[in-house]
Amino acid sequence: MRGGWFGKVAKGKRRGTSNPGTFGVKDDKGGTAKVRFTSRAEYPSFSLDDNSPAVAHAKKAAVSLGVKPRTVFSNGGLDANKEYVNLAGYVDGCRLAVALATLAQVWRPQSQ
């Protein structure tokens, strides 16, 4: 174990990460836990029109960094459970975030 992380675990044909419960861990009386999972959409997807003010602002930010903007629908989001990060892509994303926050605003969000 390194810094509280068990790392990759393999037992027979089963593979996992740091969840030892998957591999038959029992308590002091020989019992095992049961877990019931349910799921629901917490972050429903959405799409912005290419001509919307927010997209225009994002395109302007990309151009300011020398990037040719291209819009695509991904039906996804940021996965907080990634175990790998492309550092160059991460830095580019940070640069874009700063550009989005500091460029002259070309759109104004509606008051709520």
Foldseek 3Di string as FASTA:
>chain_A
DPPPWPQWDDDPPDIDTRPCLVVLDADPVRDHDDDDDDDDDPDFDDDDDCPDQLNVLLCVLCVVVVHHDDDDGDRDDDDPPDPDDDVVVVVVVVSSVVSSVPPDRPDDDDDD
